[in-house]
N, C-alpha and C. Protein backbone atom coordinates (compact mmCIF):
# COMPACT_ATOMS: atom_id res chain seq x y z
N MET A 1 0.34 -1.43 -0.32
CA MET A 1 0.46 -0.16 -0.19
C MET A 1 0.76 1.31 -0.24
N TYR A 2 2.27 1.05 0.55
CA TYR A 2 3.21 2.81 0.47
C TYR A 2 3.30 3.11 -0.62
N GLU A 3 3.54 1.69 -2.04
CA GLU A 3 3.78 2.04 -2.66
C GLU A 3 2.99 3.19 -3.16
N LEU A 4 2.03 2.89 -3.78
CA LEU A 4 0.39 3.08 -4.15
C LEU A 4 0.73 4.51 -4.65
N ASN A 5 0.67 5.28 -4.33
CA ASN A 5 1.04 6.61 -4.33
C ASN A 5 1.75 7.29 -5.56
N THR A 6 3.12 6.45 -5.00
CA THR A 6 4.04 6.77 -6.44
C THR A 6 3.92 6.06 -7.28
N ILE A 7 2.67 5.39 -7.35
CA ILE A 7 2.33 4.84 -8.45
C ILE A 7 1.27 4.99 -9.66
N LEU A 8 0.33 5.24 -8.82
CA LEU A 8 -0.04 6.69 -9.28
C LEU A 8 0.39 8.04 -9.78
N SER A 9 0.79 8.09 -8.43
CA SER A 9 1.50 9.12 -9.58
C SER A 9 2.77 9.36 -10.64
N SER A 10 3.03 7.80 -10.89
CA SER A 10 3.65 8.27 -12.32
C SER A 10 3.48 7.55 -13.10
N LEU A 11 1.37 6.98 -13.55
CA LEU A 11 1.34 6.14 -13.85
C LEU A 11 1.35 7.26 -16.10
N ASN A 12 1.05 8.47 -16.40
CA ASN A 12 1.02 8.46 -17.10
C ASN A 12 2.07 8.67 -17.82
N LYS A 13 3.18 8.79 -17.15
CA LYS A 13 4.30 8.43 -18.33
C LYS A 13 4.42 6.88 -18.51
N SER A 14 3.82 6.14 -17.95
CA SER A 14 4.16 4.65 -19.04
C SER A 14 3.39 4.71 -20.50
N VAL A 15 2.89 6.15 -21.25
CA VAL A 15 1.71 5.90 -21.49
C VAL A 15 2.85 7.50 -22.35
N LYS A 16 3.66 7.79 -21.83
CA LYS A 16 4.16 9.07 -22.50
C LYS A 16 4.64 9.33 -23.82
N ASN A 17 5.46 8.43 -23.85
CA ASN A 17 5.77 7.77 -26.10
C ASN A 17 4.52 7.86 -26.47
N THR A 18 3.32 8.17 -26.30
CA THR A 18 2.26 7.35 -27.00
C THR A 18 1.46 8.70 -27.00
N TRP A 19 1.53 9.38 -25.74
CA TRP A 19 0.74 10.66 -25.87
C TRP A 19 1.55 11.76 -27.02
N GLU A 20 2.54 11.48 -26.66
CA GLU A 20 3.43 12.46 -27.22
C GLU A 20 3.83 12.24 -29.27
N GLN A 21 3.49 11.15 -29.17
CA GLN A 21 3.28 10.55 -30.78
C GLN A 21 2.36 11.25 -31.26
N THR A 22 1.15 11.03 -30.76
CA THR A 22 0.17 11.62 -31.13
C THR A 22 -0.45 13.16 -31.12
N ARG A 23 0.11 13.49 -30.54
CA ARG A 23 0.65 15.07 -30.64
C ARG A 23 1.36 16.11 -31.49
N MET A 24 2.00 14.65 -31.62
CA MET A 24 3.65 14.96 -32.83
C MET A 24 2.35 15.01 -33.92
N ILE A 25 1.52 14.00 -34.26
CA ILE A 25 1.14 13.99 -35.09
C ILE A 25 -0.30 14.82 -35.55
N ALA A 26 -1.30 15.04 -34.29
CA ALA A 26 -1.82 15.84 -34.31
C ALA A 26 -1.64 17.54 -35.06
N TYR A 27 -0.15 17.99 -33.99
CA TYR A 27 0.58 19.78 -34.42
C TYR A 27 0.56 18.71 -36.24
N ILE A 28 1.61 18.49 -37.02
CA ILE A 28 1.62 18.32 -38.20
C ILE A 28 0.58 18.79 -38.76
N ILE A 29 -0.88 17.63 -38.86
CA ILE A 29 -1.82 18.48 -38.87
C ILE A 29 -2.36 19.55 -39.23
N ALA A 30 -2.53 20.45 -38.11
CA ALA A 30 -2.53 21.39 -37.43
C ALA A 30 -1.80 22.05 -38.44
N GLN A 31 -0.42 22.22 -38.31
CA GLN A 31 0.18 23.23 -39.17
C GLN A 31 0.52 23.37 -40.49
N CYS A 32 -0.17 21.64 -41.31
CA CYS A 32 0.30 22.21 -42.53
C CYS A 32 -1.53 23.25 -43.10
N ASN A 33 -2.40 23.54 -41.88
CA ASN A 33 -3.55 23.63 -42.19
C ASN A 33 -3.45 25.49 -41.62
N SER A 34 -2.64 25.52 -40.58
CA SER A 34 -3.23 26.87 -40.58
C SER A 34 -1.58 27.76 -41.65
N SER A 35 -1.70 29.25 -40.84
CA SER A 35 -0.97 30.59 -42.12
C SER A 35 -0.25 30.70 -40.31
N LYS A 36 -0.92 30.79 -39.22
CA LYS A 36 -0.08 31.02 -38.20
C LYS A 36 0.89 29.62 -37.58
N GLN A 37 2.06 30.48 -37.05
CA GLN A 37 3.23 29.49 -36.63
C GLN A 37 2.34 27.98 -35.00
N LEU A 38 2.80 27.70 -35.13
CA LEU A 38 1.84 27.02 -33.95
C LEU A 38 3.21 26.47 -33.26
N LYS A 39 2.77 26.18 -31.82
CA LYS A 39 3.80 25.59 -31.01
C LYS A 39 3.23 24.07 -31.05
N VAL A 40 4.25 23.10 -30.38
CA VAL A 40 3.33 21.27 -30.31
C VAL A 40 2.46 22.17 -28.85
N THR A 41 2.50 22.35 -27.68
CA THR A 41 1.66 23.62 -26.98
C THR A 41 0.46 23.59 -27.14
N ASP A 42 0.33 24.13 -28.21
CA ASP A 42 -0.67 24.96 -28.49
C ASP A 42 -2.26 23.81 -28.65
N ILE A 43 -1.40 22.83 -29.16
CA ILE A 43 -2.08 21.52 -29.23
C ILE A 43 -2.49 20.99 -28.32
N LEU A 44 -1.75 20.25 -27.84
CA LEU A 44 -1.75 19.70 -26.20
C LEU A 44 -1.46 19.80 -25.02
N LYS A 45 -2.18 19.38 -24.17
CA LYS A 45 -0.52 20.66 -23.40
C LYS A 45 -1.16 19.63 -22.74
N PHE A 46 0.42 18.60 -21.69
CA PHE A 46 0.58 17.84 -20.83
C PHE A 46 0.96 18.50 -19.84
N ASP A 47 1.47 17.23 -18.11
CA ASP A 47 1.67 17.97 -16.74
C ASP A 47 3.24 18.08 -16.72
N TRP A 48 3.81 17.02 -17.81
CA TRP A 48 5.37 17.03 -17.95
C TRP A 48 5.65 18.03 -19.21
N ASP A 49 5.20 18.36 -19.71
CA ASP A 49 5.54 19.83 -20.16
C ASP A 49 5.87 20.94 -19.64
N ASN A 50 5.41 21.51 -18.18
CA ASN A 50 5.73 22.10 -16.77
C ASN A 50 7.33 21.78 -16.33
N GLU A 51 7.56 20.16 -16.00
CA GLU A 51 8.99 19.97 -15.92
C GLU A 51 10.00 20.94 -15.92
N HIS A 52 10.65 21.61 -14.25
CA HIS A 52 11.35 22.10 -14.37
C HIS A 52 12.68 21.08 -14.65
N LYS A 53 13.87 21.55 -15.21
CA LYS A 53 15.10 20.79 -15.52
C LYS A 53 15.98 21.93 -14.33
N GLU A 54 16.46 20.51 -13.94
CA GLU A 54 17.67 21.18 -12.63
C GLU A 54 18.58 22.38 -13.78
N ASP A 55 19.14 23.74 -13.09
CA ASP A 55 20.03 24.01 -13.48
C ASP A 55 21.32 23.74 -13.17
N THR A 56 22.35 23.08 -14.17
CA THR A 56 22.89 22.46 -14.23
C THR A 56 24.72 23.52 -14.60
N THR A 57 24.48 24.24 -14.08
CA THR A 57 25.49 25.66 -14.84
C THR A 57 26.31 25.56 -13.33
N ILE A 58 27.27 25.40 -14.38
CA ILE A 58 29.06 25.77 -12.46
C ILE A 58 29.57 26.81 -12.25
N THR A 59 29.22 27.49 -11.43
CA THR A 59 30.04 29.06 -11.00
C THR A 59 30.98 28.82 -10.70
N GLN A 60 31.43 30.12 -10.23
CA GLN A 60 33.06 29.78 -9.86
C GLN A 60 33.09 29.50 -8.33
N GLU A 61 31.82 29.53 -7.62
CA GLU A 61 32.12 29.60 -6.33
C GLU A 61 32.00 27.62 -5.75
N ASP A 62 31.61 27.08 -6.78
CA ASP A 62 31.49 25.86 -6.84
C ASP A 62 32.72 24.99 -7.58
N VAL A 63 33.61 25.76 -8.44
CA VAL A 63 34.71 25.25 -8.90
C VAL A 63 35.84 25.81 -7.52
N ALA A 64 35.77 26.91 -6.98
CA ALA A 64 36.33 27.42 -5.78
C ALA A 64 36.56 25.97 -4.66
N ARG A 65 35.09 25.75 -4.85
CA ARG A 65 34.72 24.57 -3.44
C ARG A 65 35.45 23.08 -3.58
N LEU A 66 35.32 22.73 -5.29
CA LEU A 66 35.59 21.84 -5.42
C LEU A 66 37.16 21.37 -5.61
N LYS A 67 37.50 22.41 -5.81
CA LYS A 67 39.34 23.08 -5.82
C LYS A 67 40.16 22.73 -4.36
N ALA A 68 39.36 23.70 -3.33
CA ALA A 68 39.68 23.45 -2.08
C ALA A 68 39.60 21.63 -1.68
N LYS A 69 37.98 21.03 -1.94
CA LYS A 69 38.46 19.96 -1.32
C LYS A 69 38.47 18.90 -2.07
N ALA A 70 39.89 18.66 -3.35
CA ALA A 70 40.81 18.35 -3.94
C ALA A 70 42.29 18.89 -3.55
N THR A 71 42.75 19.63 -3.11
CA THR A 71 43.97 20.07 -2.40
C THR A 71 43.77 19.33 -0.71
N SER A 72 42.48 18.96 -0.07
CA SER A 72 42.09 18.90 0.75
C SER A 72 42.52 16.76 0.97
N ILE A 73 41.64 16.99 -0.26
CA ILE A 73 42.30 15.11 -0.84
C ILE A 73 43.51 14.76 -0.90
N ALA A 74 44.03 15.08 -2.14
CA ALA A 74 44.97 15.19 -2.04
C ALA A 74 46.22 15.73 -0.48
N LYS A 75 46.67 16.15 0.12
CA LYS A 75 47.46 16.42 1.40
C LYS A 75 46.71 15.16 2.07
N THR A 76 45.81 15.35 1.88
CA THR A 76 45.38 13.62 3.11
C THR A 76 46.26 12.73 2.30
N LEU A 77 46.34 12.26 0.87
CA LEU A 77 46.41 11.11 0.82
C LEU A 77 47.97 11.24 0.69
N ASN A 78 49.04 12.69 0.41
CA ASN A 78 50.09 12.21 0.63
C ASN A 78 51.00 12.38 1.57
N THR A 79 49.76 12.26 3.30
CA THR A 79 50.56 12.31 4.11
C THR A 79 50.21 10.82 4.76
N LYS A 80 49.76 10.58 3.71
CA LYS A 80 49.29 8.45 4.81
C LYS A 80 51.19 7.52 3.90
């Protein structure tokens, strides 16, 4: 029972490719018959369209922190 919420919340992901294919076919048909420039989200919107991807850019603070950590590890290895 404890897994039920996770399963139900991810149920739409099992058919995501099928829905994306359906949306692309509908988009192509609509774009051929339209004089406006359409987006695929104009045709069908899904929950996964609003998912935000995590920012993976490396900042200077990250570089400095990782250099300090590498230096610390190197010192630890050299003393052994």
